[in-house]
């Protein structure tokens, strides 16, 4: 029985290997061979606007500054 070998490629690198117009092998089969899910194939990250990034950074700074006091349970 053949063993599957893990490819040491990132999902982005695997997406670049897909031949969209191949007459010999379907996109689905290429994904299967590359061990890339169809969801990962079509994933398009959403860019965050600067306001959202600023808010997240503010929350991170506040979280780091805030002391957390453990509580006792009985």
Protein backbone atom coordinates (compact mmCIF):
# COMPACT_ATOMS: atom_id res chain seq x y z
CA UNK A 1 0.00 0.00 0.00
CA UNK A 2 1.38 3.42 -0.96
CA UNK A 3 1.97 5.99 1.75
CA UNK A 4 0.99 9.62 1.34
CA UNK A 5 3.88 12.03 1.59
CA UNK A 6 3.22 15.41 3.12
CA UNK A 7 4.21 18.25 0.83
CA UNK A 8 6.24 20.94 2.50
CA UNK A 9 4.42 23.71 0.69
CA UNK A 10 2.22 26.43 2.11
CA UNK A 11 -1.38 26.61 0.87
CA UNK A 12 -0.38 29.66 -1.19
CA UNK A 13 2.41 27.71 -2.87
CA UNK A 14 0.04 24.80 -3.53
CA UNK A 15 -2.51 27.18 -5.12
CA UNK A 16 0.21 28.40 -7.48
CA UNK A 17 0.77 24.81 -8.67
CA UNK A 18 -2.83 24.38 -9.86
CA UNK A 19 -3.16 24.23 -13.63
CA UNK A 20 -6.59 25.74 -14.20
CA UNK A 21 -6.84 24.90 -17.90
CA UNK A 22 -5.44 21.37 -17.75
CA UNK A 23 -7.14 18.95 -20.13
CA UNK A 24 -5.52 15.94 -18.44
CA UNK A 25 -6.44 16.38 -14.78
CA UNK A 26 -9.30 18.19 -13.10
CA UNK A 27 -8.81 20.96 -10.57
CA UNK A 28 -10.47 18.74 -7.94
CA UNK A 29 -8.00 15.94 -8.59
CA UNK A 30 -5.06 18.36 -8.48
CA UNK A 31 -6.29 19.59 -5.09
CA UNK A 32 -6.55 16.02 -3.86
CA UNK A 33 -3.01 15.21 -5.02
CA UNK A 34 -1.64 18.39 -3.43
CA UNK A 35 -3.61 17.72 -0.22
CA UNK A 36 -5.26 21.12 -0.62
CA UNK A 37 -8.91 21.56 0.27
CA UNK A 38 -11.18 23.24 -2.25
CA UNK A 39 -11.94 25.87 0.41
CA UNK A 40 -8.23 26.66 0.71
CA UNK A 41 -7.99 26.83 -3.07
CA UNK A 42 -10.61 29.57 -3.33
CA UNK A 43 -9.71 31.36 -0.06
CA UNK A 44 -9.26 35.09 -0.52
CA UNK A 45 -8.13 36.90 2.65
CA UNK A 46 -9.99 40.08 3.51
CA UNK A 47 -7.89 43.20 3.97
CA UNK A 48 -8.60 45.08 7.18
CA UNK A 49 -9.03 48.83 7.15
CA UNK A 50 -6.67 50.96 9.24
CA UNK A 51 -9.40 51.90 11.74
CA UNK A 52 -10.05 48.24 12.60
CA UNK A 53 -6.33 47.54 12.93
CA UNK A 54 -5.98 50.54 15.28
CA UNK A 55 -8.87 49.33 17.46
CA UNK A 56 -7.40 45.82 17.66
CA UNK A 57 -3.98 47.21 18.61
CA UNK A 58 -5.59 49.37 21.31
CA UNK A 59 -7.43 46.35 22.74
CA UNK A 60 -4.19 44.34 22.71
CA UNK A 61 -2.33 47.08 24.60
CA UNK A 62 -5.13 47.35 27.18
CA UNK A 63 -5.24 43.59 27.65
CA UNK A 64 -1.48 43.46 28.26
CA UNK A 65 -1.65 46.36 30.76
CA UNK A 66 -4.56 44.91 32.74
CA UNK A 67 -3.62 42.75 35.70
CA UNK A 68 -5.66 39.63 36.07
CA UNK A 69 -6.31 38.58 39.67
CA UNK A 70 -7.00 34.89 40.15
CA UNK A 71 -9.99 34.07 42.27
CA UNK A 72 -10.48 31.28 44.78
CA UNK A 73 -13.08 28.61 44.35
CA UNK A 74 -14.42 26.58 47.25
